[in-house]
């Protein structure tokens, strides 16, 4: 049967082959070419999408790392400020501070002291 088809196809050319097989080879080639282009385009889009997601995630990571470092610096500053305030509170609660404030702000004297006033 193949011999018959080949002889008939040779006799009628492409038009005969189309009539016999029911397919147009040129249309089939165009369809395959279109499908290849479509598949390659789809793959390019998929790769581009994933590349964009990777870059976007990297940028987010960098932003979060900067925020983390800024927060670490802020924590260190707050710890130092807390320690300074604790030292200041300790001094304010001490007897020396009370005596100093009584003398300087309230003009209080110890028993037996004399106050001299400058004019």
Protein backbone atom coordinates (compact mmCIF):
# COMPACT_ATOMS: atom_id res chain seq x y z
CA UNK A 1 0.00 0.00 0.00
CA UNK A 2 2.92 2.38 0.73
CA UNK A 3 4.19 1.89 -2.81
CA UNK A 4 0.81 2.86 -4.16
CA UNK A 5 0.70 6.00 -2.01
CA UNK A 6 4.22 6.96 -3.00
CA UNK A 7 3.49 6.53 -6.72
CA UNK A 8 0.24 8.44 -6.41
CA UNK A 9 1.92 11.22 -4.41
CA UNK A 10 4.67 11.52 -6.98
CA UNK A 11 2.14 11.60 -9.76
CA UNK A 12 -0.07 14.29 -8.18
CA UNK A 13 2.63 16.22 -6.28
CA UNK A 14 1.86 18.07 -3.04
CA UNK A 15 -1.77 18.51 -3.95
CA UNK A 16 -2.12 14.77 -4.41
CA UNK A 17 -0.45 14.07 -1.08
CA UNK A 18 -2.83 16.44 0.60
CA UNK A 19 -5.79 14.72 -1.00
CA UNK A 20 -4.52 11.24 -0.14
CA UNK A 21 -3.33 11.85 3.46
CA UNK A 22 -5.76 14.61 4.33
CA UNK A 23 -2.97 16.81 5.70
CA UNK A 24 -1.18 19.77 4.22
CA UNK A 25 2.55 19.50 5.03
CA UNK A 26 3.04 23.25 4.76
CA UNK A 27 0.25 23.92 7.23
CA UNK A 28 1.62 21.25 9.51
CA UNK A 29 5.09 22.82 9.42
CA UNK A 30 3.60 26.24 10.18
CA UNK A 31 1.62 24.74 13.05
CA UNK A 32 4.71 23.01 14.47
CA UNK A 33 6.72 26.19 14.09
CA UNK A 34 4.00 28.17 15.86
CA UNK A 35 3.88 25.61 18.68
CA UNK A 36 7.67 25.73 19.07
CA UNK A 37 7.60 29.53 19.23
CA UNK A 38 4.77 29.36 21.75
CA UNK A 39 6.61 26.81 23.90
CA UNK A 40 9.87 28.81 23.84
CA UNK A 41 7.96 32.00 24.66
CA UNK A 42 6.26 30.28 27.57
CA UNK A 43 9.59 28.99 28.89
CA UNK A 44 11.14 32.45 28.58
CA UNK A 45 8.22 33.92 30.53
CA UNK A 46 8.52 31.28 33.25
CA UNK A 47 12.28 31.82 33.57
CA UNK A 48 11.79 35.61 33.62
CA UNK A 49 9.12 35.30 36.31
CA UNK A 50 11.33 33.17 38.55
CA UNK A 51 14.32 35.43 37.96
CA UNK A 52 12.19 38.43 38.95
CA UNK A 53 11.02 36.62 42.10
CA UNK A 54 14.61 35.78 43.05
CA UNK A 55 15.76 39.37 42.58
CA UNK A 56 12.74 40.68 44.48
CA UNK A 57 13.43 38.29 47.37
CA UNK A 58 17.09 39.29 47.45
CA UNK A 59 16.10 42.96 47.68
CA UNK A 60 13.70 42.16 50.51
CA UNK A 61 16.41 40.24 52.35
CA UNK A 62 18.85 43.16 52.00
CA UNK A 63 16.20 45.58 53.29
CA UNK A 64 15.46 43.33 56.28
CA UNK A 65 19.17 42.94 57.03
CA UNK A 66 19.59 46.74 57.05
CA UNK A 67 16.59 47.10 59.35
CA UNK A 68 18.00 44.41 61.63
CA UNK A 69 21.38 46.16 61.86
CA UNK A 70 19.68 49.52 62.51
CA UNK A 71 17.64 47.91 65.28
CA UNK A 72 20.75 46.32 66.79
CA UNK A 73 22.43 49.74 66.91
CA UNK A 74 19.30 51.25 68.45
CA UNK A 75 19.21 48.49 71.08
CA UNK A 76 22.84 49.17 72.01
CA UNK A 77 22.08 52.90 72.32
CA UNK A 78 19.06 52.22 74.53
CA UNK A 79 21.04 49.85 76.76
CA UNK A 80 23.73 52.53 77.22
CA UNK A 81 21.06 55.14 77.96
CA UNK A 82 19.43 52.79 80.47
CA UNK A 83 22.76 52.19 82.24
CA UNK A 84 23.43 55.96 82.38
CA UNK A 85 19.97 56.56 83.84
CA UNK A 86 20.47 53.80 86.42
CA UNK A 87 23.77 55.41 87.50
CA UNK A 88 22.06 58.80 87.70
CA UNK A 89 19.21 57.31 89.76
CA UNK A 90 21.69 55.63 92.09
CA UNK A 91 23.45 58.98 92.61
CA UNK A 92 20.16 60.84 93.13
CA UNK A 93 19.12 58.34 95.82
CA UNK A 94 22.47 58.66 97.62
CA UNK A 95 23.04 60.75 100.74
CA UNK A 96 25.72 62.82 98.99
CA UNK A 97 23.22 64.04 96.40
CA UNK A 98 20.63 64.94 99.06
CA UNK A 99 23.26 66.91 101.00
CA UNK A 100 24.53 68.64 97.88
CA UNK A 101 21.02 69.68 96.79
CA UNK A 102 20.13 70.83 100.31
CA UNK A 103 23.19 73.08 100.37
CA UNK A 104 23.05 74.42 96.80
CA UNK A 105 19.32 74.72 96.10
CA UNK A 106 17.79 75.16 99.55
CA UNK A 107 20.68 77.09 101.18
CA UNK A 108 20.70 74.74 104.16
CA UNK A 109 23.64 74.58 106.58
CA UNK A 110 25.00 71.99 108.93
CA UNK A 111 24.82 72.77 112.61
CA UNK A 112 27.60 75.17 113.54
CA UNK A 113 28.24 76.46 109.98
CA UNK A 114 27.99 80.11 109.08
CA UNK A 115 26.70 81.31 105.73
CA UNK A 116 28.59 84.04 103.94
CA UNK A 117 26.76 86.05 101.34
CA UNK A 118 28.52 87.95 98.59
CA UNK A 119 27.18 91.21 97.36
